[in-house]
């Protein structure tokens, strides 16, 4: 299949495509990036795990977790479409990404700004429909991350394109330290779910500054009509597919919140977060390099198939034992980690662990289909699910 190209079919001065390096060089880059990504994910997730225990045991109850769950769900759904899918062109398109980065940045910020204004106005209605009227203020603060994320897409995409996961780890560590500190201080001061929102905004601002320093000169606005047309043609199907993918994963949170209320939602959000431990630790680490790696192999079906098979084998081997263990010992694990008041969360955990296994395979397949340009097939599969 033909690879995706920028409007002017950019090439390097040597005439070679930077999207197709020598296999040995690519393999070395992917392995190095995967190691850094795994270390990064493990450290960050262990930190989030410890923070969650402190908050659940000593600062916040199920009702506050329910409000946080609503805000986080809405944010994730909006993030799937906030830059119209054009940010992935930074990773996938051939040529120097700085040539079309200004147009990507302009499109991303415009679309995310419009989404945030719409969310700000409709926040009370959205919170009410989801069974959590108190969540409107938290929604308005947390969804500021939409605009921050849109600005960071270009430098973060270049880091991913270059397999620079070592630098990415430093940025993520800065994000984690600041966001966690703000969340803990505000939570123990009685701010409730708003502590999550403020912590998320502070952490995202820190990450944006870190990305801008790591990849200087990339935060420049610009506009090229031909590039914009090609970017939207490339990105809109991806944004639609991502929106469907997140709807599949998060529609249950919306149903639980609107039908059972904040407290039941709080138990469910805790169970859902626990079910994501294997997904986040192993699958997330792989996804930080999988799309860039698949994109480099997109012109060779045999190499792509081999790369996908190897990646899937590693993911399944690493996650199945964890999923089975957590699902089989749901009640003891919940009681040991979070305390007796959270035991109702154990009822949903075995079912959510099964979902977690499916998510791991589907997320890897998503990256592969996007890399080879099968966007319509991707939308059809997500819609069927």
Protein backbone atom coordinates (compact mmCIF):
# COMPACT_ATOMS: atom_id res chain seq x y z
CA UNK A 1 0.00 0.00 0.00
CA UNK A 2 1.21 3.50 -0.82
CA UNK A 3 2.49 5.41 2.18
CA UNK A 4 0.90 8.68 3.24
CA UNK A 5 2.74 11.69 1.90
CA UNK A 6 2.80 15.37 2.56
CA UNK A 7 1.35 17.57 -0.21
CA UNK A 8 4.76 18.28 -1.66
CA UNK A 9 6.08 14.71 -1.29
CA UNK A 10 9.01 15.85 0.86
CA UNK A 11 12.28 13.93 0.81
CA UNK A 12 15.59 14.26 2.54
CA UNK A 13 18.59 15.68 0.75
CA UNK A 14 19.91 12.19 0.09
CA UNK A 15 16.68 11.21 -1.64
CA UNK A 16 15.80 8.57 0.95
CA UNK A 17 12.57 8.59 2.88
CA UNK A 18 13.11 9.17 6.60
CA UNK A 19 10.12 6.95 7.18
CA UNK A 20 12.03 3.91 5.90
CA UNK A 21 15.39 3.59 7.63
CA UNK A 22 17.51 0.48 7.36
CA UNK A 23 15.87 -2.47 9.18
CA UNK A 24 18.81 -2.91 11.57
CA UNK A 25 18.76 0.77 12.47
CA UNK A 26 14.99 0.73 12.96
CA UNK A 27 15.12 -2.38 15.11
CA UNK A 28 17.76 -0.84 17.35
CA UNK A 29 15.77 2.37 17.72
CA UNK A 30 12.55 0.50 18.50
CA UNK A 31 14.22 -1.72 21.11
CA UNK A 32 15.86 1.23 22.83
CA UNK A 33 12.66 3.27 22.78
CA UNK A 34 10.64 0.30 24.04
CA UNK A 35 12.99 -0.15 27.01
CA UNK A 36 12.77 3.52 27.95
CA UNK A 37 9.02 3.49 27.44
CA UNK A 38 8.56 0.44 29.67
CA UNK A 39 10.71 1.95 32.43
CA UNK A 40 8.81 5.22 32.12
CA UNK A 41 5.41 3.53 32.28
CA UNK A 42 6.33 1.30 35.21
CA UNK A 43 7.67 4.20 37.27
CA UNK A 44 4.72 6.47 36.49
CA UNK A 45 2.12 3.78 37.10
CA UNK A 46 3.66 2.72 40.39
CA UNK A 47 3.58 6.35 41.44
CA UNK A 48 -0.06 6.72 40.38
CA UNK A 49 -0.87 3.47 42.15
CA UNK A 50 0.61 4.71 45.43
CA UNK A 51 -1.13 8.07 45.06
CA UNK A 52 -4.47 6.38 44.43
CA UNK A 53 -4.11 4.30 47.59
CA UNK A 54 -3.39 7.39 49.71
CA UNK A 55 -6.37 9.27 48.28
CA UNK A 56 -8.82 6.37 48.51
CA UNK A 57 -7.86 5.40 52.05
CA UNK A 58 -7.43 8.78 53.69
CA UNK A 59 -8.84 11.67 51.63
CA UNK A 60 -11.63 10.82 49.18
CA UNK A 61 -14.72 8.64 49.21
CA UNK A 62 -16.76 6.92 46.47
CA UNK A 63 -18.79 10.07 45.72
CA UNK A 64 -15.64 12.12 44.96
CA UNK A 65 -14.27 9.29 42.82
CA UNK A 66 -17.56 9.28 40.94
CA UNK A 67 -17.28 12.98 40.12
CA UNK A 68 -13.69 12.45 39.03
CA UNK A 69 -14.78 9.51 36.87
CA UNK A 70 -17.34 11.64 35.04
CA UNK A 71 -14.84 14.45 34.41
CA UNK A 72 -12.13 12.05 33.27
CA UNK A 73 -14.52 10.26 30.91
CA UNK A 74 -15.68 13.48 29.26
CA UNK A 75 -12.07 14.67 28.95
CA UNK A 76 -10.94 11.43 27.29
CA UNK A 77 -13.80 11.53 24.79
CA UNK A 78 -13.03 15.15 23.88
CA UNK A 79 -9.29 14.45 23.66
CA UNK A 80 -10.00 11.84 21.00
CA UNK A 81 -11.19 14.60 18.65
CA UNK A 82 -9.55 17.73 19.99
CA UNK A 83 -6.92 17.99 17.22
CA UNK A 84 -9.03 16.35 14.49
CA UNK A 85 -6.52 13.52 14.15
CA UNK A 86 -4.00 15.75 12.35
CA UNK A 87 -1.40 15.37 15.11
CA UNK A 88 -0.65 11.81 13.97
CA UNK A 89 0.68 13.23 10.69
CA UNK A 90 3.71 14.45 12.66
CA UNK A 91 4.59 10.80 13.25
CA UNK A 92 3.35 9.22 10.02
CA UNK A 93 4.03 11.63 7.14
CA UNK A 94 7.27 11.55 5.21
CA UNK A 95 9.76 14.41 5.13
CA UNK A 96 10.72 16.95 7.75
CA UNK A 97 7.72 17.38 10.09
CA UNK A 98 8.74 20.96 10.82
CA UNK A 99 7.64 21.84 7.28
CA UNK A 100 3.97 21.21 8.06
CA UNK A 101 4.06 21.50 11.88
CA UNK A 102 2.81 25.14 11.94
CA UNK A 103 -0.37 24.15 10.08
CA UNK A 104 -0.86 21.16 12.40
CA UNK A 105 -0.50 23.43 15.43
CA UNK A 106 -2.99 25.98 14.08
CA UNK A 107 -5.61 23.34 13.27
CA UNK A 108 -5.13 21.64 16.66
CA UNK A 109 -5.47 24.80 18.72
CA UNK A 110 -8.48 26.08 16.77
CA UNK A 111 -10.40 22.82 17.10
CA UNK A 112 -9.53 22.32 20.78
CA UNK A 113 -10.45 25.92 21.60
CA UNK A 114 -13.87 25.51 20.02
CA UNK A 115 -14.41 22.21 21.85
CA UNK A 116 -13.50 23.79 25.17
CA UNK A 117 -15.87 26.72 24.68
CA UNK A 118 -18.68 24.28 23.86
CA UNK A 119 -17.86 22.20 26.94
CA UNK A 120 -17.66 25.26 29.21
CA UNK A 121 -21.13 26.40 28.16
CA UNK A 122 -22.73 22.95 28.33
CA UNK A 123 -20.93 21.64 31.46
CA UNK A 124 -23.99 21.85 33.80
CA UNK A 125 -26.16 20.04 31.26
CA UNK A 126 -23.55 17.35 30.59
CA UNK A 127 -22.95 16.77 34.30
CA UNK A 128 -26.70 16.53 34.95
CA UNK A 129 -27.26 14.04 32.14
CA UNK A 130 -24.46 11.87 33.53
CA UNK A 131 -26.03 11.82 36.99
CA UNK A 132 -23.47 14.06 38.67
CA UNK A 133 -24.64 17.70 38.80
CA UNK A 134 -21.74 18.62 41.10
CA UNK A 135 -19.25 17.76 38.37
CA UNK A 136 -19.76 20.87 36.21
CA UNK A 137 -17.03 22.93 37.90
CA UNK A 138 -14.60 20.02 37.81
CA UNK A 139 -15.39 19.52 34.12
CA UNK A 140 -14.64 23.14 33.29
CA UNK A 141 -11.27 23.04 35.02
CA UNK A 142 -10.11 19.58 33.96
CA UNK A 143 -11.01 20.12 30.31
CA UNK A 144 -8.54 23.00 30.12
CA UNK A 145 -6.21 20.10 29.38
CA UNK A 146 -7.83 19.99 25.93
CA UNK A 147 -6.17 23.22 24.84
CA UNK A 148 -2.87 22.42 26.56
CA UNK A 149 -2.77 18.99 24.91
CA UNK A 150 -3.44 20.51 21.48
CA UNK A 151 -0.48 22.87 21.82
CA UNK A 152 1.79 20.02 22.94
CA UNK A 153 0.87 17.70 20.07
CA UNK A 154 3.58 18.90 17.69
CA UNK A 155 6.66 18.63 19.95
CA UNK A 156 5.34 15.45 21.58
CA UNK A 157 4.72 13.93 18.15
CA UNK A 158 8.26 14.72 17.04
CA UNK A 159 9.62 13.02 20.16
CA UNK A 160 7.58 9.91 19.31
CA UNK A 161 8.65 10.04 15.65
CA UNK A 162 12.30 10.14 16.69
CA UNK A 163 11.84 7.34 19.28
CA UNK A 164 13.13 9.80 21.92
CA UNK A 165 11.56 8.00 24.87
CA UNK A 166 14.42 8.92 27.19
CA UNK A 167 13.58 12.61 26.89
CA UNK A 168 9.90 11.73 27.10
CA UNK A 169 10.50 10.01 30.43
CA UNK A 170 11.99 13.18 31.92
CA UNK A 171 8.97 15.19 30.74
CA UNK A 172 6.51 12.63 32.12
CA UNK A 173 8.33 12.59 35.44
CA UNK A 174 8.00 16.36 35.72
CA UNK A 175 4.31 16.09 34.87
CA UNK A 176 3.79 13.37 37.48
CA UNK A 177 5.64 15.08 40.33
CA UNK A 178 3.84 18.41 39.95
CA UNK A 179 0.37 17.00 39.25
CA UNK A 180 0.61 14.53 42.14
CA UNK A 181 1.85 17.15 44.59
CA UNK A 182 -0.97 19.55 43.72
CA UNK A 183 -3.60 16.78 43.85
CA UNK A 184 -2.48 15.48 47.25
CA UNK A 185 -2.21 18.92 48.85
CA UNK A 186 -5.65 20.00 47.64
CA UNK A 187 -7.31 16.65 48.42
CA UNK A 188 -6.13 16.67 52.03
CA UNK A 189 -7.21 20.32 52.24
CA UNK A 190 -10.77 19.26 51.43
CA UNK A 191 -11.07 20.21 47.75
CA UNK A 192 -12.56 16.83 46.82
CA UNK A 193 -12.68 15.93 43.13
CA UNK A 194 -11.49 19.43 42.17
CA UNK A 195 -8.05 18.40 43.41
CA UNK A 196 -7.77 15.96 40.48
CA UNK A 197 -8.70 18.68 38.00
CA UNK A 198 -6.20 21.22 39.32
CA UNK A 199 -3.46 18.62 39.48
CA UNK A 200 -4.13 17.55 35.89
CA UNK A 201 -3.92 21.12 34.59
CA UNK A 202 -0.66 21.86 36.43
CA UNK A 203 0.89 18.60 35.22
CA UNK A 204 -0.12 19.22 31.60
CA UNK A 205 1.33 22.72 31.66
CA UNK A 206 4.60 21.29 32.98
CA UNK A 207 4.60 18.66 30.21
CA UNK A 208 3.98 21.31 27.57
CA UNK A 209 6.94 23.37 28.81
CA UNK A 210 9.10 20.24 28.88
CA UNK A 211 8.15 19.28 25.31
CA UNK A 212 8.85 22.81 24.07
CA UNK A 213 12.31 22.71 25.65
CA UNK A 214 13.07 19.18 24.38
CA UNK A 215 12.09 20.05 20.79
CA UNK A 216 12.77 23.78 20.41
CA UNK A 217 11.33 25.85 17.59
CA UNK A 218 8.24 23.68 17.02
CA UNK A 219 5.58 25.89 18.62
CA UNK A 220 5.10 28.17 15.62
CA UNK A 221 1.69 28.91 14.16
CA UNK A 222 1.27 28.97 10.41
CA UNK A 223 -1.16 28.16 7.62
CA UNK A 224 -0.90 26.42 4.29
CA UNK A 225 -4.22 25.72 2.57
CA UNK A 226 -3.01 22.66 0.65
CA UNK A 227 -1.39 21.18 3.75
CA UNK A 228 -4.52 21.86 5.80
CA UNK A 229 -6.71 20.11 3.23
CA UNK A 230 -4.40 17.08 3.16
CA UNK A 231 -4.13 17.01 6.96
CA UNK A 232 -7.91 17.03 7.41
CA UNK A 233 -8.32 14.31 4.80
CA UNK A 234 -5.76 12.25 6.72
CA UNK A 235 -6.89 13.10 10.24
CA UNK A 236 -10.70 13.28 10.32
CA UNK A 237 -11.25 9.53 9.78
CA UNK A 238 -8.69 8.84 12.53
CA UNK A 239 -10.43 11.25 14.90
CA UNK A 240 -13.72 9.51 14.22
CA UNK A 241 -12.19 6.10 14.85
CA UNK A 242 -10.56 7.28 18.09
CA UNK A 243 -13.86 8.77 19.23
CA UNK A 244 -15.60 5.45 18.62
CA UNK A 245 -12.80 3.56 20.37
CA UNK A 246 -13.07 5.71 23.49
CA UNK A 247 -16.87 5.55 23.40
CA UNK A 248 -16.60 1.75 23.45
CA UNK A 249 -14.39 1.85 26.54
CA UNK A 250 -16.17 4.68 28.38
CA UNK A 251 -19.87 4.34 27.57
CA UNK A 252 -20.26 2.05 30.58
CA UNK A 253 -19.06 4.82 32.89
CA UNK A 254 -21.70 7.15 31.47
CA UNK A 255 -24.44 4.53 31.89
CA UNK A 256 -23.45 3.70 35.47
CA UNK A 257 -23.27 7.37 36.44
CA UNK A 258 -26.60 8.35 34.90
CA UNK A 259 -28.51 5.31 36.14
CA UNK A 260 -26.94 4.37 39.50
CA UNK A 261 -25.54 7.67 40.81
CA UNK A 262 -22.21 9.05 42.02
CA UNK A 263 -21.46 6.53 44.77
CA UNK A 264 -21.95 3.45 42.60
CA UNK A 265 -19.96 5.19 39.88
CA UNK A 266 -17.14 5.76 42.36
CA UNK A 267 -16.91 2.01 43.06
CA UNK A 268 -17.04 1.29 39.34
CA UNK A 269 -14.34 3.84 38.49
CA UNK A 270 -12.02 2.26 41.07
CA UNK A 271 -12.64 -1.19 39.60
CA UNK A 272 -12.11 0.11 36.06
CA UNK A 273 -8.83 1.74 37.08
CA UNK A 274 -7.66 -1.53 38.64
CA UNK A 275 -8.57 -3.45 35.49
CA UNK A 276 -6.36 -1.06 33.55
CA UNK A 277 -3.20 -1.83 35.51
CA UNK A 278 -1.90 -4.47 33.04
CA UNK A 279 -3.11 -2.39 30.09
CA UNK A 280 -1.34 0.74 31.24
CA UNK A 281 1.89 -0.83 32.41
CA UNK A 282 2.54 -3.05 29.39
CA UNK A 283 0.26 -1.99 26.54
CA UNK A 284 0.79 1.74 27.05
CA UNK A 285 4.55 1.29 27.02
CA UNK A 286 4.31 -0.62 23.75
CA UNK A 287 1.99 1.93 22.11
CA UNK A 288 4.50 4.71 22.60
CA UNK A 289 6.68 3.06 19.98
CA UNK A 290 4.30 0.76 18.08
CA UNK A 291 2.70 3.38 15.83
CA UNK A 292 6.02 4.91 14.83
CA UNK A 293 7.46 1.41 14.26
CA UNK A 294 4.48 0.18 12.20
CA UNK A 295 4.61 3.37 10.15
CA UNK A 296 8.21 2.63 9.16
CA UNK A 297 7.19 -0.88 8.05
CA UNK A 298 3.99 0.13 6.26
CA UNK A 299 5.50 -0.34 2.78
CA UNK A 300 6.50 -3.95 3.50
CA UNK A 301 3.49 -6.19 4.29
CA UNK A 302 5.67 -9.13 5.30
CA UNK A 303 7.80 -7.08 7.69
CA UNK A 304 4.67 -5.42 9.08
CA UNK A 305 3.01 -8.79 9.72
CA UNK A 306 6.11 -10.09 11.48
CA UNK A 307 6.41 -6.93 13.58
CA UNK A 308 2.75 -7.09 14.59
CA UNK A 309 3.00 -10.78 15.52
CA UNK A 310 6.06 -10.21 17.69
CA UNK A 311 4.49 -7.23 19.44
CA UNK A 312 1.23 -9.10 20.06
CA UNK A 313 3.07 -12.11 21.46
CA UNK A 314 5.00 -9.96 23.93
CA UNK A 315 1.87 -8.11 25.06
CA UNK A 316 -0.24 -11.24 25.55
CA UNK A 317 2.54 -13.05 27.41
CA UNK A 318 3.01 -10.13 29.77
CA UNK A 319 -0.64 -9.31 30.47
CA UNK A 320 -2.62 -12.57 30.60
CA UNK A 321 -1.15 -13.78 33.94
CA UNK A 322 -1.79 -10.38 35.54
CA UNK A 323 -5.37 -10.22 34.27
CA UNK A 324 -6.16 -13.75 35.46
CA UNK A 325 -4.63 -13.07 38.88
CA UNK A 326 -6.51 -9.81 39.45
CA UNK A 327 -9.79 -11.25 38.21
CA UNK A 328 -9.56 -14.37 40.37
CA UNK A 329 -8.53 -12.54 43.55
CA UNK A 330 -10.66 -9.43 43.10
CA UNK A 331 -12.14 -9.13 46.61
CA UNK A 332 -8.92 -9.86 48.58
CA UNK A 333 -6.90 -7.48 46.39
CA UNK A 334 -9.42 -4.64 46.73
CA UNK A 335 -9.62 -5.11 50.50
CA UNK A 336 -5.85 -5.31 50.91
CA UNK A 337 -5.03 -2.32 48.74
CA UNK A 338 -7.90 0.11 49.30
CA UNK A 339 -9.66 -1.05 52.46
CA UNK A 340 -13.01 -2.61 53.33
CA UNK A 341 -15.16 0.39 52.33
CA UNK A 342 -14.24 -0.23 48.69
CA UNK A 343 -15.23 -3.94 48.56
CA UNK A 344 -18.28 -3.33 46.30
CA UNK A 345 -15.79 -2.48 43.55
CA UNK A 346 -14.68 -6.14 43.49
CA UNK A 347 -17.97 -7.27 41.97
CA UNK A 348 -17.20 -5.61 38.64
CA UNK A 349 -13.47 -6.34 38.53
CA UNK A 350 -13.44 -9.88 37.00
CA UNK A 351 -15.59 -8.73 34.07
CA UNK A 352 -13.45 -5.66 33.55
CA UNK A 353 -10.27 -7.75 33.50
CA UNK A 354 -11.70 -9.65 30.51
CA UNK A 355 -12.36 -6.31 28.84
CA UNK A 356 -8.78 -5.29 29.62
CA UNK A 357 -7.40 -8.24 27.66
CA UNK A 358 -9.54 -7.35 24.66
CA UNK A 359 -8.42 -3.71 24.86
CA UNK A 360 -4.76 -4.71 24.68
CA UNK A 361 -5.23 -6.56 21.38
CA UNK A 362 -7.54 -3.92 19.91
CA UNK A 363 -5.22 -1.01 20.74
CA UNK A 364 -2.29 -2.69 19.04
CA UNK A 365 -4.45 -3.49 16.00
CA UNK A 366 -5.62 0.14 15.97
CA UNK A 367 -2.03 1.40 15.71
CA UNK A 368 -1.26 -1.08 12.93
CA UNK A 369 -4.37 -0.20 10.87
CA UNK A 370 -3.71 3.52 11.22
CA UNK A 371 -0.09 3.06 10.18
CA UNK A 372 -1.05 1.30 6.93
CA UNK A 373 -3.84 3.77 6.14
CA UNK A 374 -6.83 1.47 6.67
CA UNK A 375 -8.90 4.21 8.26
CA UNK A 376 -12.30 3.19 6.89
CA UNK A 377 -11.86 -0.38 8.04
CA UNK A 378 -10.88 0.93 11.45
CA UNK A 379 -14.07 2.99 11.75
CA UNK A 380 -16.23 0.04 10.66
CA UNK A 381 -14.63 -2.29 13.23
CA UNK A 382 -15.02 0.25 16.05
CA UNK A 383 -18.61 0.95 15.05
CA UNK A 384 -19.44 -2.76 15.05
CA UNK A 385 -18.02 -3.14 18.56
